[in-house]
N, C-alpha and C. Protein backbone atom coordinates (compact mmCIF):
# COMPACT_ATOMS: atom_id res chain seq x y z
N MET A 1 15.10 33.86 -15.23
CA MET A 1 14.35 32.91 -14.42
C MET A 1 15.11 31.59 -14.28
N PHE A 2 15.76 31.13 -15.33
CA PHE A 2 16.50 29.87 -15.28
C PHE A 2 18.00 30.10 -15.27
N GLU A 3 18.46 31.26 -14.76
CA GLU A 3 19.89 31.58 -14.81
C GLU A 3 20.73 30.59 -14.00
N GLY A 4 20.25 30.19 -12.84
CA GLY A 4 21.03 29.30 -11.98
C GLY A 4 20.81 27.83 -12.27
N PHE A 5 20.07 27.50 -13.31
CA PHE A 5 19.75 26.11 -13.61
C PHE A 5 20.81 25.51 -14.52
N SER A 6 21.19 24.28 -14.19
CA SER A 6 22.10 23.55 -15.08
C SER A 6 21.29 22.98 -16.24
N SER A 7 21.97 22.41 -17.21
CA SER A 7 21.25 21.82 -18.34
C SER A 7 20.40 20.63 -17.89
N LEU A 8 20.86 19.90 -16.86
CA LEU A 8 20.07 18.80 -16.32
C LEU A 8 18.81 19.33 -15.65
N ASP A 9 18.93 20.43 -14.91
CA ASP A 9 17.76 21.05 -14.27
C ASP A 9 16.75 21.49 -15.32
N LYS A 10 17.23 22.08 -16.40
CA LYS A 10 16.33 22.53 -17.47
C LYS A 10 15.62 21.34 -18.11
N PHE A 11 16.34 20.22 -18.26
CA PHE A 11 15.74 19.00 -18.80
C PHE A 11 14.60 18.52 -17.90
N PHE A 12 14.83 18.54 -16.58
CA PHE A 12 13.79 18.12 -15.64
C PHE A 12 12.59 19.07 -15.69
N VAL A 13 12.83 20.35 -15.84
CA VAL A 13 11.73 21.32 -15.94
C VAL A 13 10.89 21.05 -17.18
N VAL A 14 11.56 20.79 -18.31
CA VAL A 14 10.84 20.50 -19.55
C VAL A 14 9.99 19.24 -19.39
N CYS A 15 10.54 18.20 -18.77
CA CYS A 15 9.78 16.96 -18.55
C CYS A 15 8.58 17.21 -17.65
N ALA A 16 8.78 17.96 -16.56
CA ALA A 16 7.68 18.23 -15.63
C ALA A 16 6.59 19.07 -16.29
N VAL A 17 6.99 20.08 -17.06
CA VAL A 17 6.01 20.94 -17.73
C VAL A 17 5.24 20.14 -18.79
N ALA A 18 5.96 19.32 -19.57
CA ALA A 18 5.29 18.51 -20.60
C ALA A 18 4.32 17.52 -19.96
N GLY A 19 4.76 16.82 -18.92
CA GLY A 19 3.88 15.87 -18.23
C GLY A 19 2.69 16.55 -17.60
N GLY A 20 2.92 17.70 -16.96
CA GLY A 20 1.83 18.45 -16.34
C GLY A 20 0.85 18.99 -17.37
N ALA A 21 1.37 19.48 -18.50
CA ALA A 21 0.50 20.01 -19.55
C ALA A 21 -0.39 18.92 -20.12
N PHE A 22 0.20 17.75 -20.41
CA PHE A 22 -0.61 16.65 -20.93
C PHE A 22 -1.64 16.20 -19.90
N LEU A 23 -1.27 16.20 -18.63
CA LEU A 23 -2.22 15.82 -17.58
C LEU A 23 -3.40 16.78 -17.55
N ILE A 24 -3.13 18.07 -17.60
CA ILE A 24 -4.20 19.07 -17.58
C ILE A 24 -5.07 18.95 -18.83
N ILE A 25 -4.45 18.77 -19.98
CA ILE A 25 -5.22 18.62 -21.23
C ILE A 25 -6.13 17.40 -21.15
N ARG A 26 -5.59 16.27 -20.66
CA ARG A 26 -6.40 15.05 -20.55
C ARG A 26 -7.57 15.25 -19.58
N LEU A 27 -7.32 15.93 -18.45
CA LEU A 27 -8.39 16.17 -17.49
C LEU A 27 -9.49 17.04 -18.08
N VAL A 28 -9.10 18.09 -18.79
CA VAL A 28 -10.09 18.97 -19.41
C VAL A 28 -10.89 18.21 -20.47
N LEU A 29 -10.21 17.43 -21.29
CA LEU A 29 -10.91 16.65 -22.32
C LEU A 29 -11.86 15.63 -21.70
N GLN A 30 -11.42 14.97 -20.63
CA GLN A 30 -12.28 13.99 -19.97
C GLN A 30 -13.47 14.67 -19.31
N PHE A 31 -13.26 15.88 -18.79
CA PHE A 31 -14.36 16.62 -18.17
C PHE A 31 -15.46 16.89 -19.19
N PHE A 32 -15.08 17.17 -20.43
CA PHE A 32 -16.05 17.44 -21.48
C PHE A 32 -16.42 16.19 -22.27
N GLY A 33 -15.97 15.02 -21.81
CA GLY A 33 -16.34 13.76 -22.45
C GLY A 33 -15.60 13.43 -23.72
N MET A 34 -14.46 14.08 -23.95
CA MET A 34 -13.73 13.82 -25.19
C MET A 34 -12.43 13.06 -24.96
N GLY A 35 -12.08 12.80 -23.73
CA GLY A 35 -10.80 12.17 -23.47
C GLY A 35 -10.87 10.68 -23.26
N ALA A 36 -12.06 10.12 -23.32
CA ALA A 36 -12.21 8.69 -23.07
C ALA A 36 -11.80 7.90 -24.29
N GLU A 37 -11.47 6.63 -24.05
CA GLU A 37 -11.14 5.75 -25.16
C GLU A 37 -12.44 5.38 -25.85
N HIS A 38 -12.44 5.39 -27.17
CA HIS A 38 -13.65 5.09 -27.92
C HIS A 38 -13.45 3.83 -28.74
N ASP A 39 -14.50 3.01 -28.80
CA ASP A 39 -14.50 1.82 -29.64
C ASP A 39 -15.35 2.10 -30.86
N PHE A 40 -15.04 1.46 -31.96
CA PHE A 40 -15.87 1.59 -33.14
C PHE A 40 -15.94 0.25 -33.84
N ASP A 41 -17.02 0.07 -34.58
CA ASP A 41 -17.27 -1.18 -35.27
C ASP A 41 -17.03 -0.98 -36.76
N THR A 42 -16.09 -1.73 -37.31
CA THR A 42 -15.80 -1.60 -38.73
C THR A 42 -16.66 -2.52 -39.56
N GLY A 43 -17.23 -3.54 -38.94
CA GLY A 43 -18.05 -4.48 -39.68
C GLY A 43 -17.22 -5.49 -40.46
N ALA A 44 -15.91 -5.42 -40.38
CA ALA A 44 -15.06 -6.29 -41.17
C ALA A 44 -14.89 -7.66 -40.53
N ILE A 45 -14.84 -7.71 -39.22
CA ILE A 45 -14.58 -8.97 -38.54
C ILE A 45 -15.73 -9.24 -37.58
N ASP A 46 -16.28 -10.41 -37.66
CA ASP A 46 -17.35 -10.80 -36.76
C ASP A 46 -16.79 -11.86 -35.83
N SER A 47 -16.54 -11.47 -34.60
CA SER A 47 -15.99 -12.43 -33.64
C SER A 47 -16.73 -12.32 -32.33
N HIS A 48 -16.55 -13.31 -31.53
CA HIS A 48 -17.16 -13.36 -30.21
C HIS A 48 -16.04 -13.48 -29.20
N PRO A 49 -16.17 -12.85 -28.02
CA PRO A 49 -15.08 -12.94 -27.05
C PRO A 49 -14.70 -14.37 -26.69
N GLY A 50 -15.63 -15.31 -26.87
CA GLY A 50 -15.31 -16.69 -26.57
C GLY A 50 -14.42 -17.35 -27.61
N ASP A 51 -14.28 -16.73 -28.77
CA ASP A 51 -13.46 -17.30 -29.83
C ASP A 51 -11.97 -17.21 -29.54
N ILE A 52 -11.57 -16.22 -28.80
CA ILE A 52 -10.15 -15.95 -28.56
C ILE A 52 -9.89 -16.02 -27.06
N PRO A 53 -8.93 -16.83 -26.62
CA PRO A 53 -8.64 -16.85 -25.19
C PRO A 53 -8.08 -15.50 -24.75
N GLN A 54 -8.59 -15.01 -23.62
CA GLN A 54 -8.15 -13.71 -23.13
C GLN A 54 -7.40 -13.90 -21.82
N HIS A 55 -6.27 -13.24 -21.71
CA HIS A 55 -5.46 -13.33 -20.51
C HIS A 55 -5.12 -11.93 -20.06
N ASP A 56 -5.52 -11.58 -18.83
CA ASP A 56 -5.23 -10.25 -18.32
C ASP A 56 -3.75 -10.02 -18.15
N ALA A 57 -3.00 -11.07 -17.83
CA ALA A 57 -1.56 -10.90 -17.60
C ALA A 57 -0.81 -10.60 -18.89
N ALA A 58 -1.37 -10.94 -20.03
CA ALA A 58 -0.68 -10.75 -21.29
C ALA A 58 -0.50 -9.30 -21.67
N ASP A 59 -1.37 -8.42 -21.18
CA ASP A 59 -1.27 -7.02 -21.58
C ASP A 59 -0.88 -6.10 -20.43
N VAL A 60 -0.19 -6.62 -19.43
CA VAL A 60 0.26 -5.78 -18.32
C VAL A 60 1.19 -4.68 -18.82
N GLY A 61 2.08 -5.01 -19.75
CA GLY A 61 3.00 -4.01 -20.29
C GLY A 61 2.27 -2.89 -20.99
N PHE A 62 1.17 -3.21 -21.66
CA PHE A 62 0.42 -2.17 -22.35
C PHE A 62 -0.36 -1.29 -21.38
N LYS A 63 -0.74 -1.84 -20.23
CA LYS A 63 -1.41 -1.02 -19.23
C LYS A 63 -0.43 -0.01 -18.65
N LEU A 64 0.83 -0.41 -18.51
CA LEU A 64 1.84 0.51 -17.99
C LEU A 64 2.18 1.59 -19.02
N LEU A 65 2.21 1.23 -20.28
CA LEU A 65 2.59 2.17 -21.33
C LEU A 65 1.38 2.88 -21.93
N SER A 66 0.47 3.28 -21.08
CA SER A 66 -0.68 4.05 -21.55
C SER A 66 -0.33 5.53 -21.56
N LEU A 67 -1.19 6.32 -22.14
CA LEU A 67 -0.95 7.77 -22.16
C LEU A 67 -0.95 8.33 -20.74
N GLN A 68 -1.84 7.81 -19.89
CA GLN A 68 -1.86 8.25 -18.50
C GLN A 68 -0.57 7.88 -17.79
N GLY A 69 -0.07 6.67 -18.05
CA GLY A 69 1.16 6.21 -17.42
C GLY A 69 2.36 7.03 -17.85
N LEU A 70 2.47 7.31 -19.14
CA LEU A 70 3.60 8.11 -19.63
C LEU A 70 3.52 9.55 -19.13
N THR A 71 2.32 10.10 -19.09
CA THR A 71 2.15 11.45 -18.56
C THR A 71 2.59 11.51 -17.10
N ALA A 72 2.15 10.52 -16.32
CA ALA A 72 2.53 10.47 -14.91
C ALA A 72 4.03 10.28 -14.76
N PHE A 73 4.63 9.44 -15.61
CA PHE A 73 6.07 9.23 -15.55
C PHE A 73 6.83 10.53 -15.75
N PHE A 74 6.53 11.25 -16.83
CA PHE A 74 7.27 12.48 -17.13
C PHE A 74 7.03 13.56 -16.08
N LEU A 75 5.81 13.65 -15.56
CA LEU A 75 5.53 14.63 -14.52
C LEU A 75 6.36 14.35 -13.27
N MET A 76 6.32 13.11 -12.78
CA MET A 76 7.07 12.78 -11.57
C MET A 76 8.57 12.74 -11.82
N PHE A 77 8.99 12.26 -12.97
CA PHE A 77 10.40 12.25 -13.33
C PHE A 77 10.95 13.67 -13.26
N GLY A 78 10.24 14.61 -13.86
CA GLY A 78 10.69 16.00 -13.87
C GLY A 78 10.68 16.63 -12.49
N LEU A 79 9.59 16.45 -11.75
CA LEU A 79 9.49 17.08 -10.43
C LEU A 79 10.49 16.52 -9.44
N VAL A 80 10.58 15.20 -9.36
CA VAL A 80 11.52 14.58 -8.41
C VAL A 80 12.96 14.83 -8.84
N GLY A 81 13.23 14.74 -10.13
CA GLY A 81 14.58 15.03 -10.62
C GLY A 81 15.00 16.45 -10.31
N LEU A 82 14.11 17.41 -10.52
CA LEU A 82 14.42 18.81 -10.22
C LEU A 82 14.63 19.01 -8.72
N ALA A 83 13.78 18.38 -7.91
CA ALA A 83 13.93 18.50 -6.46
C ALA A 83 15.24 17.89 -5.98
N LEU A 84 15.58 16.71 -6.49
CA LEU A 84 16.84 16.08 -6.08
C LEU A 84 18.03 16.91 -6.53
N SER A 85 17.97 17.42 -7.71
CA SER A 85 19.09 18.19 -8.26
C SER A 85 19.28 19.52 -7.54
N ARG A 86 18.19 20.23 -7.29
CA ARG A 86 18.28 21.57 -6.72
C ARG A 86 18.39 21.57 -5.20
N GLN A 87 17.66 20.69 -4.54
CA GLN A 87 17.60 20.74 -3.08
C GLN A 87 18.67 19.91 -2.38
N THR A 88 19.00 18.76 -2.94
CA THR A 88 19.95 17.89 -2.25
C THR A 88 21.35 18.00 -2.81
N LYS A 89 21.48 18.64 -3.96
CA LYS A 89 22.78 18.75 -4.63
C LYS A 89 23.41 17.38 -4.85
N ALA A 90 22.54 16.38 -5.08
CA ALA A 90 23.04 15.03 -5.36
C ALA A 90 23.68 15.02 -6.74
N GLY A 91 24.50 14.04 -6.98
CA GLY A 91 25.16 13.92 -8.27
C GLY A 91 24.16 13.60 -9.38
N SER A 92 24.60 13.75 -10.61
CA SER A 92 23.73 13.53 -11.76
C SER A 92 23.21 12.11 -11.82
N LEU A 93 24.06 11.13 -11.51
CA LEU A 93 23.65 9.73 -11.57
C LEU A 93 22.57 9.44 -10.52
N VAL A 94 22.78 9.90 -9.30
CA VAL A 94 21.81 9.68 -8.23
C VAL A 94 20.49 10.38 -8.57
N THR A 95 20.59 11.57 -9.11
CA THR A 95 19.39 12.33 -9.49
C THR A 95 18.61 11.61 -10.58
N MET A 96 19.30 11.11 -11.60
CA MET A 96 18.62 10.40 -12.69
C MET A 96 17.98 9.10 -12.20
N VAL A 97 18.70 8.36 -11.35
CA VAL A 97 18.15 7.11 -10.81
C VAL A 97 16.92 7.40 -9.94
N GLY A 98 17.01 8.40 -9.08
CA GLY A 98 15.87 8.76 -8.23
C GLY A 98 14.67 9.23 -9.03
N ALA A 99 14.93 10.07 -10.04
CA ALA A 99 13.84 10.57 -10.88
C ALA A 99 13.19 9.44 -11.68
N THR A 100 14.01 8.54 -12.22
CA THR A 100 13.48 7.41 -12.98
C THR A 100 12.66 6.49 -12.07
N ALA A 101 13.16 6.23 -10.87
CA ALA A 101 12.43 5.39 -9.92
C ALA A 101 11.08 6.02 -9.57
N ALA A 102 11.08 7.33 -9.32
CA ALA A 102 9.82 8.01 -8.99
C ALA A 102 8.84 7.94 -10.17
N GLY A 103 9.34 8.11 -11.38
CA GLY A 103 8.49 8.03 -12.56
C GLY A 103 7.91 6.64 -12.74
N LEU A 104 8.74 5.61 -12.54
CA LEU A 104 8.25 4.23 -12.68
C LEU A 104 7.22 3.88 -11.61
N VAL A 105 7.46 4.35 -10.38
CA VAL A 105 6.49 4.11 -9.31
C VAL A 105 5.16 4.77 -9.67
N MET A 106 5.22 5.97 -10.19
CA MET A 106 3.98 6.67 -10.57
C MET A 106 3.27 5.95 -11.72
N MET A 107 4.03 5.38 -12.66
CA MET A 107 3.41 4.60 -13.73
C MET A 107 2.67 3.39 -13.15
N LEU A 108 3.30 2.71 -12.19
CA LEU A 108 2.66 1.56 -11.55
C LEU A 108 1.40 1.98 -10.80
N VAL A 109 1.47 3.11 -10.11
CA VAL A 109 0.30 3.61 -9.37
C VAL A 109 -0.84 3.92 -10.34
N MET A 110 -0.53 4.57 -11.45
CA MET A 110 -1.57 4.90 -12.44
C MET A 110 -2.17 3.63 -13.05
N ALA A 111 -1.33 2.64 -13.35
CA ALA A 111 -1.84 1.38 -13.90
C ALA A 111 -2.77 0.71 -12.89
N LYS A 112 -2.39 0.73 -11.62
CA LYS A 112 -3.22 0.13 -10.57
C LYS A 112 -4.55 0.87 -10.43
N ILE A 113 -4.50 2.19 -10.49
CA ILE A 113 -5.73 2.99 -10.38
C ILE A 113 -6.68 2.67 -11.53
N PHE A 114 -6.17 2.65 -12.76
CA PHE A 114 -7.04 2.40 -13.90
C PHE A 114 -7.52 0.96 -13.95
N THR A 115 -6.70 0.01 -13.49
CA THR A 115 -7.15 -1.38 -13.41
C THR A 115 -8.28 -1.50 -12.39
N SER A 116 -8.13 -0.83 -11.26
CA SER A 116 -9.18 -0.86 -10.24
C SER A 116 -10.46 -0.22 -10.74
N MET A 117 -10.33 0.86 -11.49
CA MET A 117 -11.51 1.53 -12.03
C MET A 117 -12.22 0.67 -13.07
N LYS A 118 -11.46 -0.09 -13.86
CA LYS A 118 -12.08 -0.96 -14.87
C LYS A 118 -12.86 -2.09 -14.22
N ARG A 119 -12.46 -2.50 -13.02
CA ARG A 119 -13.21 -3.55 -12.33
C ARG A 119 -14.61 -3.08 -11.95
N LEU A 120 -14.79 -1.78 -11.81
CA LEU A 120 -16.10 -1.24 -11.46
C LEU A 120 -17.05 -1.19 -12.66
N GLN A 121 -16.51 -1.40 -13.84
CA GLN A 121 -17.28 -1.30 -15.08
C GLN A 121 -18.07 -2.57 -15.31
N ALA A 122 -19.30 -2.44 -15.74
CA ALA A 122 -20.14 -3.58 -16.08
C ALA A 122 -20.67 -3.39 -17.49
N SER A 123 -20.78 -4.47 -18.23
CA SER A 123 -21.22 -4.35 -19.62
C SER A 123 -22.72 -4.11 -19.73
N GLY A 124 -23.50 -4.65 -18.81
CA GLY A 124 -24.94 -4.49 -18.89
C GLY A 124 -25.61 -5.47 -19.83
N ASN A 125 -24.83 -6.32 -20.47
CA ASN A 125 -25.39 -7.30 -21.40
C ASN A 125 -26.00 -8.46 -20.64
N ILE A 126 -27.07 -8.98 -21.18
CA ILE A 126 -27.72 -10.13 -20.57
C ILE A 126 -27.22 -11.40 -21.24
N ASP A 127 -26.77 -12.35 -20.43
CA ASP A 127 -26.37 -13.65 -20.94
C ASP A 127 -27.55 -14.59 -20.75
N VAL A 128 -28.18 -14.96 -21.84
CA VAL A 128 -29.40 -15.76 -21.79
C VAL A 128 -29.15 -17.12 -21.14
N LYS A 129 -27.92 -17.61 -21.20
CA LYS A 129 -27.62 -18.91 -20.59
C LYS A 129 -27.78 -18.87 -19.07
N ASN A 130 -27.78 -17.67 -18.48
CA ASN A 130 -28.04 -17.55 -17.04
C ASN A 130 -29.48 -17.90 -16.70
N ALA A 131 -30.34 -18.02 -17.69
CA ALA A 131 -31.75 -18.36 -17.46
C ALA A 131 -31.96 -19.85 -17.23
N LEU A 132 -30.98 -20.66 -17.59
CA LEU A 132 -31.14 -22.11 -17.44
C LEU A 132 -31.47 -22.48 -15.99
N GLY A 133 -32.53 -23.28 -15.83
CA GLY A 133 -32.93 -23.74 -14.51
C GLY A 133 -33.84 -22.77 -13.77
N THR A 134 -34.04 -21.58 -14.29
CA THR A 134 -34.92 -20.62 -13.63
C THR A 134 -36.36 -20.83 -14.08
N THR A 135 -37.28 -20.22 -13.35
CA THR A 135 -38.69 -20.34 -13.70
C THR A 135 -39.19 -19.04 -14.32
N GLY A 136 -40.19 -19.18 -15.14
CA GLY A 136 -40.82 -18.03 -15.77
C GLY A 136 -42.29 -18.29 -15.95
N THR A 137 -42.96 -17.37 -16.63
CA THR A 137 -44.39 -17.48 -16.88
C THR A 137 -44.64 -17.36 -18.37
N VAL A 138 -45.56 -18.18 -18.88
CA VAL A 138 -45.89 -18.11 -20.30
C VAL A 138 -46.60 -16.78 -20.56
N TYR A 139 -46.08 -16.02 -21.49
CA TYR A 139 -46.60 -14.70 -21.84
C TYR A 139 -47.58 -14.80 -23.01
N ALA A 140 -47.25 -15.65 -23.97
CA ALA A 140 -48.13 -15.93 -25.11
C ALA A 140 -48.13 -17.45 -25.30
N ASP A 141 -49.32 -18.02 -25.52
CA ASP A 141 -49.45 -19.48 -25.64
C ASP A 141 -48.31 -20.09 -26.45
N ILE A 142 -47.80 -21.24 -25.95
CA ILE A 142 -46.77 -21.98 -26.67
C ILE A 142 -47.45 -23.20 -27.29
N PRO A 143 -47.62 -23.22 -28.63
CA PRO A 143 -48.27 -24.37 -29.27
C PRO A 143 -47.38 -25.61 -29.21
N ALA A 144 -47.97 -26.75 -29.48
CA ALA A 144 -47.24 -28.03 -29.38
C ALA A 144 -45.98 -28.05 -30.23
N ASP A 145 -46.05 -27.63 -31.46
CA ASP A 145 -44.88 -27.66 -32.34
C ASP A 145 -44.54 -26.27 -32.86
N GLY A 146 -44.85 -25.26 -32.10
CA GLY A 146 -44.59 -23.89 -32.54
C GLY A 146 -43.84 -23.10 -31.48
N THR A 147 -43.87 -21.80 -31.67
CA THR A 147 -43.14 -20.90 -30.78
C THR A 147 -44.11 -19.94 -30.11
N GLY A 148 -43.96 -19.80 -28.81
CA GLY A 148 -44.73 -18.82 -28.04
C GLY A 148 -43.75 -17.88 -27.35
N GLN A 149 -44.19 -17.26 -26.28
CA GLN A 149 -43.30 -16.36 -25.55
C GLN A 149 -43.44 -16.59 -24.06
N ILE A 150 -42.31 -16.40 -23.35
CA ILE A 150 -42.33 -16.49 -21.90
C ILE A 150 -41.73 -15.21 -21.31
N GLN A 151 -42.08 -14.97 -20.07
CA GLN A 151 -41.58 -13.81 -19.35
C GLN A 151 -40.74 -14.33 -18.18
N ILE A 152 -39.47 -13.88 -18.11
CA ILE A 152 -38.59 -14.33 -17.02
C ILE A 152 -37.84 -13.14 -16.44
N CYS A 153 -37.41 -13.32 -15.21
CA CYS A 153 -36.55 -12.33 -14.57
C CYS A 153 -35.13 -12.89 -14.65
N ILE A 154 -34.27 -12.20 -15.42
CA ILE A 154 -32.90 -12.66 -15.63
C ILE A 154 -31.95 -11.50 -15.35
N GLN A 155 -30.98 -11.76 -14.49
CA GLN A 155 -29.99 -10.75 -14.10
C GLN A 155 -30.66 -9.47 -13.61
N GLY A 156 -31.76 -9.65 -12.87
CA GLY A 156 -32.45 -8.51 -12.28
C GLY A 156 -33.36 -7.75 -13.23
N ARG A 157 -33.60 -8.28 -14.41
CA ARG A 157 -34.45 -7.60 -15.40
C ARG A 157 -35.56 -8.53 -15.86
N LEU A 158 -36.74 -7.97 -16.02
CA LEU A 158 -37.87 -8.73 -16.53
C LEU A 158 -37.83 -8.68 -18.05
N ARG A 159 -37.69 -9.85 -18.68
CA ARG A 159 -37.53 -9.93 -20.14
C ARG A 159 -38.54 -10.91 -20.74
N ILE A 160 -38.83 -10.72 -22.02
CA ILE A 160 -39.71 -11.63 -22.76
C ILE A 160 -38.89 -12.28 -23.87
N TYR A 161 -38.95 -13.62 -23.92
CA TYR A 161 -38.20 -14.38 -24.93
C TYR A 161 -39.13 -15.34 -25.65
N ASP A 162 -38.77 -15.66 -26.90
CA ASP A 162 -39.47 -16.71 -27.63
C ASP A 162 -39.18 -18.04 -26.94
N ALA A 163 -40.16 -18.95 -26.98
CA ALA A 163 -39.98 -20.23 -26.30
C ALA A 163 -40.68 -21.35 -27.05
N LYS A 164 -40.10 -22.54 -26.92
CA LYS A 164 -40.68 -23.78 -27.45
C LYS A 164 -40.77 -24.77 -26.30
N THR A 165 -41.68 -25.73 -26.44
CA THR A 165 -41.81 -26.73 -25.38
C THR A 165 -40.83 -27.87 -25.60
N LYS A 166 -40.43 -28.48 -24.51
CA LYS A 166 -39.47 -29.59 -24.58
C LYS A 166 -40.14 -30.86 -25.08
N ASP A 167 -41.35 -31.11 -24.60
CA ASP A 167 -42.01 -32.39 -24.91
C ASP A 167 -43.19 -32.25 -25.87
N SER A 168 -43.24 -31.19 -26.66
CA SER A 168 -44.27 -30.97 -27.69
C SER A 168 -45.69 -30.98 -27.15
N THR A 169 -45.88 -30.49 -25.95
CA THR A 169 -47.23 -30.32 -25.41
C THR A 169 -47.50 -28.82 -25.29
N PRO A 170 -48.70 -28.37 -25.67
CA PRO A 170 -48.98 -26.94 -25.59
C PRO A 170 -49.03 -26.45 -24.14
N ILE A 171 -48.63 -25.19 -23.96
CA ILE A 171 -48.68 -24.58 -22.63
C ILE A 171 -49.42 -23.26 -22.76
N LYS A 172 -50.42 -23.06 -21.90
CA LYS A 172 -51.28 -21.88 -21.97
C LYS A 172 -50.64 -20.67 -21.26
N THR A 173 -51.13 -19.50 -21.63
CA THR A 173 -50.68 -18.24 -21.03
C THR A 173 -50.89 -18.25 -19.52
N GLY A 174 -49.90 -17.76 -18.79
CA GLY A 174 -49.98 -17.66 -17.34
C GLY A 174 -49.43 -18.86 -16.60
N MET A 175 -49.13 -19.95 -17.30
CA MET A 175 -48.62 -21.16 -16.65
C MET A 175 -47.14 -20.98 -16.30
N PRO A 176 -46.71 -21.49 -15.13
CA PRO A 176 -45.29 -21.43 -14.78
C PRO A 176 -44.49 -22.48 -15.55
N VAL A 177 -43.29 -22.10 -15.99
CA VAL A 177 -42.43 -23.01 -16.75
C VAL A 177 -41.00 -22.93 -16.21
N ILE A 178 -40.22 -23.96 -16.54
CA ILE A 178 -38.80 -24.01 -16.19
C ILE A 178 -37.99 -24.01 -17.48
N ILE A 179 -36.96 -23.18 -17.54
CA ILE A 179 -36.12 -23.11 -18.73
C ILE A 179 -35.11 -24.25 -18.67
N VAL A 180 -35.08 -25.08 -19.73
CA VAL A 180 -34.18 -26.24 -19.74
C VAL A 180 -33.07 -26.13 -20.78
N ASP A 181 -33.23 -25.25 -21.78
CA ASP A 181 -32.20 -25.13 -22.81
C ASP A 181 -32.34 -23.79 -23.53
N VAL A 182 -31.26 -23.38 -24.17
CA VAL A 182 -31.26 -22.19 -25.02
C VAL A 182 -30.83 -22.64 -26.41
N ILE A 183 -31.67 -22.34 -27.42
CA ILE A 183 -31.31 -22.73 -28.78
C ILE A 183 -31.11 -21.46 -29.62
N ALA A 184 -30.98 -21.62 -30.91
CA ALA A 184 -30.64 -20.52 -31.82
C ALA A 184 -31.52 -19.29 -31.61
N ASN A 185 -30.93 -18.13 -31.84
CA ASN A 185 -31.62 -16.84 -31.77
C ASN A 185 -32.24 -16.57 -30.40
N ASN A 186 -31.60 -17.05 -29.35
CA ASN A 186 -32.06 -16.83 -27.98
C ASN A 186 -33.48 -17.34 -27.73
N THR A 187 -33.84 -18.41 -28.40
CA THR A 187 -35.12 -19.07 -28.14
C THR A 187 -34.90 -20.06 -27.01
N LEU A 188 -35.80 -20.03 -26.03
CA LEU A 188 -35.67 -20.88 -24.86
C LEU A 188 -36.54 -22.13 -25.01
N VAL A 189 -36.02 -23.24 -24.53
CA VAL A 189 -36.78 -24.49 -24.48
C VAL A 189 -37.26 -24.64 -23.04
N VAL A 190 -38.58 -24.83 -22.88
CA VAL A 190 -39.16 -24.86 -21.54
C VAL A 190 -39.98 -26.13 -21.33
N LYS A 191 -40.23 -26.42 -20.06
CA LYS A 191 -41.16 -27.49 -19.70
C LYS A 191 -42.05 -26.95 -18.59
N LYS A 192 -43.22 -27.58 -18.43
CA LYS A 192 -44.15 -27.15 -17.39
C LYS A 192 -43.51 -27.31 -16.02
N SER A 193 -43.76 -26.34 -15.17
CA SER A 193 -43.26 -26.43 -13.80
C SER A 193 -44.16 -27.37 -13.02
N ASP A 194 -43.59 -28.15 -12.13
CA ASP A 194 -44.37 -29.14 -11.36
C ASP A 194 -45.27 -28.50 -10.38
């Protein structure tokens, strides 16, 4: 089967088969829900994303050197290298440069695809600070110096939060209020709506 193949051709075949095999394995695993990246909580470090500055440009190299990127590189490197070597009878240097260029282009394409797909992802978390300035309704009486509950629509969801009054005046159930501050444990500070 490989009688007419040079050692360079055989190298390209091995790269294409390895890249293709990993691609098929990844697709099958992802189909069954086992190929996705998983996060886990060790409980060792308690941090908040706001504690560390995050820069998307800082990890561009790591997006290129992903398993998907390397798989795509070897698949295209092997296929294009084999095609250039067998069909065009180009020299070894031209074949290697063409195959490497095709592999790098495919890595860039894969990085772009996965970056675009990550933009579609949403965390679903509610940021209580988005409630500032919005109006809600008292759900459970808010005593003068105590805590009651209010009902607000935040980020498209109807939620109930603990609330205190801004000016130490009691507010009865059903009264409209305006959220003026967020304090510890997601407790909202409210005042009567005019």
